[in-house]
Amino acid sequence: MSVASFMDHDGLWTVADVLALPENRKVRFELVGESLVMSPAPGLRHQRASFRLHVALEAAARAAQAPVEVFEAINVTLPSGLVVPDIVVADVGATVEDQVSIDAEAVQLVIELVSPGNKTMDRKLKPLLYAEAAIPHYWRLEFDPAPRLIVSELDDGRYVETTIALPGVVTRIEAPFLCEIDPGGLARQ
């Protein structure tokens, strides 16, 4: 993608404008309000943890016979824009067709893996956007000073922390389906 693609854009950005951008594996494009937000592709630690968490969630969903699908870095359309959560658990019925985006109403869980360049987005802004979209579950994997998984559920329009999974401890998480996770092994080489 060239800089000209952005310079040629006139006016406020829309979801359709962002979805029409060429695929780019080096940058993630999100729309917050009418502002285009770009973030670099995640690093190795992030990729390892995302893959392992995806695999664990997929296995847990199958074991629970939950009618969901697990995705990494998929577009989610919100009432206030378009985001690309690190991991998304969505209703299987909403993923039948080959689409470039999933509507937030079909999403049961979003997970953000906090990297140095996205701390504010993942800790402050995105939880507000996800709560506004009524996504029932929001998890956040923090890497520093040690890996820990903060599990939150939507309660009266905001997320409330229900569990903090610490490294070296297998933690049982009940919703959206039973899952057991030790965050300590997620990013380990």
C-alpha atoms as a PDB file:
ATOM      1  CA  MET A   1       0.000   0.000   0.000  1.00  0.00           C
ATOM      2  CA  SER A   2       1.310   3.394  -0.850  1.00  0.00           C
ATOM      3  CA  VAL A   3       1.077   6.661   0.997  1.00  0.00           C
ATOM      4  CA  ALA A   4      -0.847   7.965  -2.015  1.00  0.00           C
ATOM      5  CA  SER A   5      -3.773   5.700  -1.051  1.00  0.00           C
ATOM      6  CA  PHE A   6      -4.189   7.729   2.118  1.00  0.00           C
ATOM      7  CA  MET A   7      -3.453  11.082   0.556  1.00  0.00           C
ATOM      8  CA  ASP A   8      -6.098  10.483  -2.116  1.00  0.00           C
ATOM      9  CA  HIS A   9      -8.790   9.939   0.516  1.00  0.00           C
ATOM     10  CA  ASP A  10     -11.109  12.894   0.920  1.00  0.00           C
ATOM     11  CA  GLY A  11     -13.301  13.542   3.947  1.00  0.00           C
ATOM     12  CA  LEU A  12     -14.070  11.429   6.973  1.00  0.00           C
ATOM     13  CA  TRP A  13     -13.283   7.729   6.960  1.00  0.00           C
ATOM     14  CA  THR A  14     -16.101   5.163   6.946  1.00  0.00           C
ATOM     15  CA  VAL A  15     -16.159   1.429   7.627  1.00  0.00           C
ATOM     16  CA  ALA A  16     -16.576   0.861   3.877  1.00  0.00           C
ATOM     17  CA  ASP A  17     -13.474   2.997   3.167  1.00  0.00           C
ATOM     18  CA  VAL A  18     -11.368   0.982   5.606  1.00  0.00           C
ATOM     19  CA  LEU A  19     -12.620  -2.381   4.340  1.00  0.00           C
ATOM     20  CA  ALA A  20     -11.812  -1.264   0.786  1.00  0.00           C
ATOM     21  CA  LEU A  21      -8.137  -0.694   1.629  1.00  0.00           C
ATOM     22  CA  PRO A  22      -5.776  -3.322   0.194  1.00  0.00           C
ATOM     23  CA  GLU A  23      -4.781  -6.098   2.594  1.00  0.00           C
ATOM     24  CA  ASN A  24      -1.549  -5.285   4.370  1.00  0.00           C
ATOM     25  CA  ARG A  25       0.175  -7.788   6.670  1.00  0.00           C
ATOM     26  CA  LYS A  26       2.498  -5.139   8.116  1.00  0.00           C
ATOM     27  CA  VAL A  27      -0.208  -2.787   9.389  1.00  0.00           C
ATOM     28  CA  ARG A  28      -3.616  -3.154  11.030  1.00  0.00           C
ATOM     29  CA  PHE A  29      -6.250  -0.588  10.098  1.00  0.00           C
ATOM     30  CA  GLU A  30      -9.014   0.342  12.510  1.00  0.00           C
ATOM     31  CA  LEU A  31     -11.681   3.031  12.505  1.00  0.00           C
ATOM     32  CA  VAL A  32     -12.466   4.873  15.717  1.00  0.00           C
ATOM     33  CA  GLY A  33     -15.265   7.331  15.085  1.00  0.00           C
ATOM     34  CA  GLU A  34     -14.251   8.742  11.713  1.00  0.00           C
ATOM     35  CA  SER A  35     -10.498   8.489  12.351  1.00  0.00           C
ATOM     36  CA  LEU A  36      -8.301   5.891  10.702  1.00  0.00           C
ATOM     37  CA  VAL A  37      -5.944   4.263  13.203  1.00  0.00           C
ATOM     38  CA  MET A  38      -2.956   2.246  12.027  1.00  0.00           C
ATOM     39  CA  SER A  39      -0.831  -0.004  14.183  1.00  0.00           C
ATOM     40  CA  PRO A  40       2.181  -2.127  13.274  1.00  0.00           C
ATOM     41  CA  ALA A  41       1.907  -5.894  12.973  1.00  0.00           C
ATOM     42  CA  PRO A  42       2.591  -7.581  16.325  1.00  0.00           C
ATOM     43  CA  GLY A  43       5.966  -9.000  17.333  1.00  0.00           C
ATOM     44  CA  LEU A  44       7.047 -12.577  17.999  1.00  0.00           C
ATOM     45  CA  ARG A  45       6.011 -12.772  21.673  1.00  0.00           C
ATOM     46  CA  HIS A  46       2.579 -11.477  20.756  1.00  0.00           C
ATOM     47  CA  GLN A  47       2.269 -13.922  17.827  1.00  0.00           C
ATOM     48  CA  ARG A  48       3.260 -16.911  19.987  1.00  0.00           C
ATOM     49  CA  ALA A  49       0.781 -16.023  22.715  1.00  0.00           C
ATOM     50  CA  SER A  50      -2.023 -15.292  20.258  1.00  0.00           C
ATOM     51  CA  PHE A  51      -1.573 -18.616  18.476  1.00  0.00           C
ATOM     52  CA  ARG A  52      -1.425 -20.624  21.713  1.00  0.00           C
ATOM     53  CA  LEU A  53      -4.433 -18.836  23.182  1.00  0.00           C
ATOM     54  CA  HIS A  54      -6.332 -19.427  19.949  1.00  0.00           C
ATOM     55  CA  VAL A  55      -5.515 -23.150  20.067  1.00  0.00           C
ATOM     56  CA  ALA A  56      -6.552 -23.398  23.745  1.00  0.00           C
ATOM     57  CA  LEU A  57      -9.844 -21.590  23.101  1.00  0.00           C
ATOM     58  CA  GLU A  58     -10.592 -23.685  20.025  1.00  0.00           C
ATOM     59  CA  ALA A  59     -10.045 -26.913  22.004  1.00  0.00           C
ATOM     60  CA  ALA A  60     -12.142 -25.651  24.926  1.00  0.00           C
ATOM     61  CA  ALA A  61     -14.970 -24.558  22.617  1.00  0.00           C
ATOM     62  CA  ARG A  62     -15.000 -27.981  20.938  1.00  0.00           C
ATOM     63  CA  ALA A  63     -14.960 -29.782  24.283  1.00  0.00           C
ATOM     64  CA  ALA A  64     -17.910 -27.656  25.442  1.00  0.00           C
ATOM     65  CA  GLN A  65     -19.644 -28.137  22.078  1.00  0.00           C
ATOM     66  CA  ALA A  66     -20.033 -24.353  21.952  1.00  0.00           C
ATOM     67  CA  PRO A  67     -21.406 -23.146  18.600  1.00  0.00           C
ATOM     68  CA  VAL A  68     -18.561 -20.667  18.054  1.00  0.00           C
ATOM     69  CA  GLU A  69     -15.510 -20.080  15.926  1.00  0.00           C
ATOM     70  CA  VAL A  70     -12.212 -18.575  17.094  1.00  0.00           C
ATOM     71  CA  PHE A  71     -10.364 -16.059  14.911  1.00  0.00           C
ATOM     72  CA  GLU A  72      -7.160 -14.072  15.149  1.00  0.00           C
ATOM     73  CA  ALA A  73      -7.019 -10.465  13.902  1.00  0.00           C
ATOM     74  CA  ILE A  74     -10.419 -10.344  12.185  1.00  0.00           C
ATOM     75  CA  ASN A  75     -12.322  -7.124  11.467  1.00  0.00           C
ATOM     76  CA  VAL A  76     -15.216  -6.497  13.855  1.00  0.00           C
ATOM     77  CA  THR A  77     -17.787  -3.853  12.961  1.00  0.00           C
ATOM     78  CA  LEU A  78     -18.916  -1.841  15.980  1.00  0.00           C
ATOM     79  CA  PRO A  79     -21.569   0.881  16.227  1.00  0.00           C
ATOM     80  CA  SER A  80     -18.727   3.408  16.421  1.00  0.00           C
ATOM     81  CA  GLY A  81     -16.299   1.992  13.872  1.00  0.00           C
ATOM     82  CA  LEU A  82     -14.191  -0.996  12.971  1.00  0.00           C
ATOM     83  CA  VAL A  83     -11.602  -2.747  15.137  1.00  0.00           C
ATOM     84  CA  VAL A  84      -9.244  -5.680  14.797  1.00  0.00           C
ATOM     85  CA  PRO A  85      -9.088  -7.504  18.133  1.00  0.00           C
ATOM     86  CA  ASP A  86      -6.215  -9.939  18.562  1.00  0.00           C
ATOM     87  CA  ILE A  87      -8.646 -12.830  19.140  1.00  0.00           C
ATOM     88  CA  VAL A  88     -12.388 -13.023  18.547  1.00  0.00           C
ATOM     89  CA  VAL A  89     -14.851 -15.735  19.536  1.00  0.00           C
ATOM     90  CA  ALA A  90     -17.964 -15.411  17.365  1.00  0.00           C
ATOM     91  CA  ASP A  91     -21.217 -17.271  16.882  1.00  0.00           C
ATOM     92  CA  VAL A  92     -20.731 -19.925  14.216  1.00  0.00           C
ATOM     93  CA  GLY A  93     -23.855 -18.796  12.340  1.00  0.00           C
ATOM     94  CA  ALA A  94     -22.313 -15.374  11.734  1.00  0.00           C
ATOM     95  CA  THR A  95     -19.238 -16.857  10.081  1.00  0.00           C
ATOM     96  CA  VAL A  96     -20.858 -19.079   7.447  1.00  0.00           C
ATOM     97  CA  GLU A  97     -20.147 -16.730   4.556  1.00  0.00           C
ATOM     98  CA  ASP A  98     -16.659 -15.577   3.596  1.00  0.00           C
ATOM     99  CA  GLN A  99     -16.749 -12.002   4.825  1.00  0.00           C
ATOM    100  CA  VAL A 100     -14.124  -9.402   5.661  1.00  0.00           C
ATOM    101  CA  SER A 101     -15.879  -8.326   8.861  1.00  0.00           C
ATOM    102  CA  ILE A 102     -18.037  -9.750  11.656  1.00  0.00           C
ATOM    103  CA  ASP A 103     -20.768  -7.670  13.285  1.00  0.00           C
ATOM    104  CA  ALA A 104     -20.219  -7.063  16.995  1.00  0.00           C
ATOM    105  CA  GLU A 105     -23.610  -8.543  17.859  1.00  0.00           C
ATOM    106  CA  ALA A 106     -22.276 -11.985  16.848  1.00  0.00           C
ATOM    107  CA  VAL A 107     -19.156 -11.669  19.029  1.00  0.00           C
ATOM    108  CA  GLN A 108     -19.110 -13.379  22.426  1.00  0.00           C
ATOM    109  CA  LEU A 109     -15.522 -12.631  23.432  1.00  0.00           C
ATOM    110  CA  VAL A 110     -12.726 -10.291  22.379  1.00  0.00           C
ATOM    111  CA  ILE A 111      -9.160 -10.630  23.604  1.00  0.00           C
ATOM    112  CA  GLU A 112      -6.447  -8.012  23.348  1.00  0.00           C
ATOM    113  CA  LEU A 113      -2.774  -8.807  23.857  1.00  0.00           C
ATOM    114  CA  VAL A 114      -1.093  -5.672  25.166  1.00  0.00           C
ATOM    115  CA  SER A 115       2.049  -4.660  23.290  1.00  0.00           C
ATOM    116  CA  PRO A 116       4.208  -1.594  23.948  1.00  0.00           C
ATOM    117  CA  GLY A 117       2.640   0.350  21.072  1.00  0.00           C
ATOM    118  CA  ASN A 118      -1.014  -0.311  21.917  1.00  0.00           C
ATOM    119  CA  LYS A 119      -1.299  -0.072  25.723  1.00  0.00           C
ATOM    120  CA  THR A 120      -3.715   2.863  25.796  1.00  0.00           C
ATOM    121  CA  MET A 121      -5.954   1.424  23.081  1.00  0.00           C
ATOM    122  CA  ASP A 122      -6.167  -2.030  24.706  1.00  0.00           C
ATOM    123  CA  ARG A 123      -6.504  -0.886  28.310  1.00  0.00           C
ATOM    124  CA  LYS A 124      -8.726   2.172  27.941  1.00  0.00           C
ATOM    125  CA  LEU A 125     -10.301   2.861  24.548  1.00  0.00           C
ATOM    126  CA  LYS A 126     -11.136  -0.582  23.193  1.00  0.00           C
ATOM    127  CA  PRO A 127     -12.907  -1.806  26.354  1.00  0.00           C
ATOM    128  CA  LEU A 128     -15.189   1.249  26.087  1.00  0.00           C
ATOM    129  CA  LEU A 129     -15.921   0.489  22.424  1.00  0.00           C
ATOM    130  CA  TYR A 130     -16.555  -3.206  23.140  1.00  0.00           C
ATOM    131  CA  ALA A 131     -18.850  -2.380  26.058  1.00  0.00           C
ATOM    132  CA  GLU A 132     -20.762   0.093  23.890  1.00  0.00           C
ATOM    133  CA  ALA A 133     -21.225  -2.731  21.373  1.00  0.00           C
ATOM    134  CA  ALA A 134     -22.474  -5.028  24.197  1.00  0.00           C
ATOM    135  CA  ILE A 135     -19.821  -7.707  23.653  1.00  0.00           C
ATOM    136  CA  PRO A 136     -20.326  -9.900  26.758  1.00  0.00           C
ATOM    137  CA  HIS A 137     -16.699 -10.848  27.484  1.00  0.00           C
ATOM    138  CA  TYR A 138     -13.407  -8.958  27.245  1.00  0.00           C
ATOM    139  CA  TRP A 139     -10.055 -10.484  28.155  1.00  0.00           C
ATOM    140  CA  ARG A 140      -6.704  -8.718  28.187  1.00  0.00           C
ATOM    141  CA  LEU A 141      -3.341 -10.490  28.206  1.00  0.00           C
ATOM    142  CA  GLU A 142      -0.638  -8.366  29.821  1.00  0.00           C
ATOM    143  CA  PHE A 143       2.983  -9.415  29.265  1.00  0.00           C
ATOM    144  CA  ASP A 144       4.890  -7.179  31.688  1.00  0.00           C
ATOM    145  CA  PRO A 145       6.174  -7.600  34.314  1.00  0.00           C
ATOM    146  CA  ALA A 146       4.930 -11.216  33.900  1.00  0.00           C
ATOM    147  CA  PRO A 147       2.153 -12.699  31.761  1.00  0.00           C
ATOM    148  CA  ARG A 148      -1.291 -12.401  33.315  1.00  0.00           C
ATOM    149  CA  LEU A 149      -4.754 -12.673  31.857  1.00  0.00           C
ATOM    150  CA  ILE A 150      -7.412 -10.252  33.061  1.00  0.00           C
ATOM    151  CA  VAL A 151     -10.895 -11.698  32.464  1.00  0.00           C
ATOM    152  CA  SER A 152     -13.818  -9.256  32.410  1.00  0.00           C
ATOM    153  CA  GLU A 153     -17.554  -9.559  31.874  1.00  0.00           C
ATOM    154  CA  LEU A 154     -20.007  -6.915  30.800  1.00  0.00           C
ATOM    155  CA  ASP A 155     -22.131  -5.724  33.709  1.00  0.00           C
ATOM    156  CA  ASP A 156     -24.537  -2.810  33.371  1.00  0.00           C
ATOM    157  CA  GLY A 157     -22.726  -1.378  30.331  1.00  0.00           C
ATOM    158  CA  ARG A 158     -19.145  -1.679  31.600  1.00  0.00           C
ATOM    159  CA  TYR A 159     -16.583  -4.409  32.088  1.00  0.00           C
ATOM    160  CA  VAL A 160     -15.969  -5.813  35.549  1.00  0.00           C
ATOM    161  CA  GLU A 161     -12.888  -7.923  36.230  1.00  0.00           C
ATOM    162  CA  THR A 162     -13.931 -11.381  37.352  1.00  0.00           C
ATOM    163  CA  THR A 163     -10.626 -13.275  37.270  1.00  0.00           C
ATOM    164  CA  ILE A 164      -6.925 -12.545  37.015  1.00  0.00           C
ATOM    165  CA  ALA A 165      -4.979 -15.569  35.808  1.00  0.00           C
ATOM    166  CA  LEU A 166      -1.359 -15.500  36.974  1.00  0.00           C
ATOM    167  CA  PRO A 167       1.658 -17.274  35.468  1.00  0.00           C
ATOM    168  CA  GLY A 168       2.378 -20.759  36.751  1.00  0.00           C
ATOM    169  CA  VAL A 169      -1.233 -21.328  37.797  1.00  0.00           C
ATOM    170  CA  VAL A 170      -3.832 -23.081  35.659  1.00  0.00           C
ATOM    171  CA  THR A 171      -6.917 -20.913  36.025  1.00  0.00           C
ATOM    172  CA  ARG A 172     -10.426 -22.129  35.326  1.00  0.00           C
ATOM    173  CA  ILE A 173     -12.545 -19.637  33.395  1.00  0.00           C
ATOM    174  CA  GLU A 174     -16.251 -20.461  33.155  1.00  0.00           C
ATOM    175  CA  ALA A 175     -17.557 -18.143  30.425  1.00  0.00           C
ATOM    176  CA  PRO A 176     -18.254 -17.921  27.571  1.00  0.00           C
ATOM    177  CA  PHE A 177     -17.405 -21.653  27.909  1.00  0.00           C
ATOM    178  CA  LEU A 178     -15.191 -23.629  30.267  1.00  0.00           C
ATOM    179  CA  CYS A 179     -11.517 -23.012  29.599  1.00  0.00           C
ATOM    180  CA  GLU A 180      -8.359 -23.603  31.652  1.00  0.00           C
ATOM    181  CA  ILE A 181      -5.349 -21.379  31.009  1.00  0.00           C
ATOM    182  CA  ASP A 182      -1.884 -20.767  32.454  1.00  0.00           C
ATOM    183  CA  PRO A 183      -0.759 -17.441  30.992  1.00  0.00           C
ATOM    184  CA  GLY A 184       2.852 -18.211  31.899  1.00  0.00           C
ATOM    185  CA  GLY A 185       3.326 -20.592  28.978  1.00  0.00           C
ATOM    186  CA  LEU A 186       1.564 -18.558  26.301  1.00  0.00           C
ATOM    187  CA  ALA A 187       4.506 -16.426  25.124  1.00  0.00           C
ATOM    188  CA  ARG A 188       7.396 -18.689  26.108  1.00  0.00           C
ATOM    189  CA  GLN A 189       9.755 -19.599  23.257  1.00  0.00           C
END
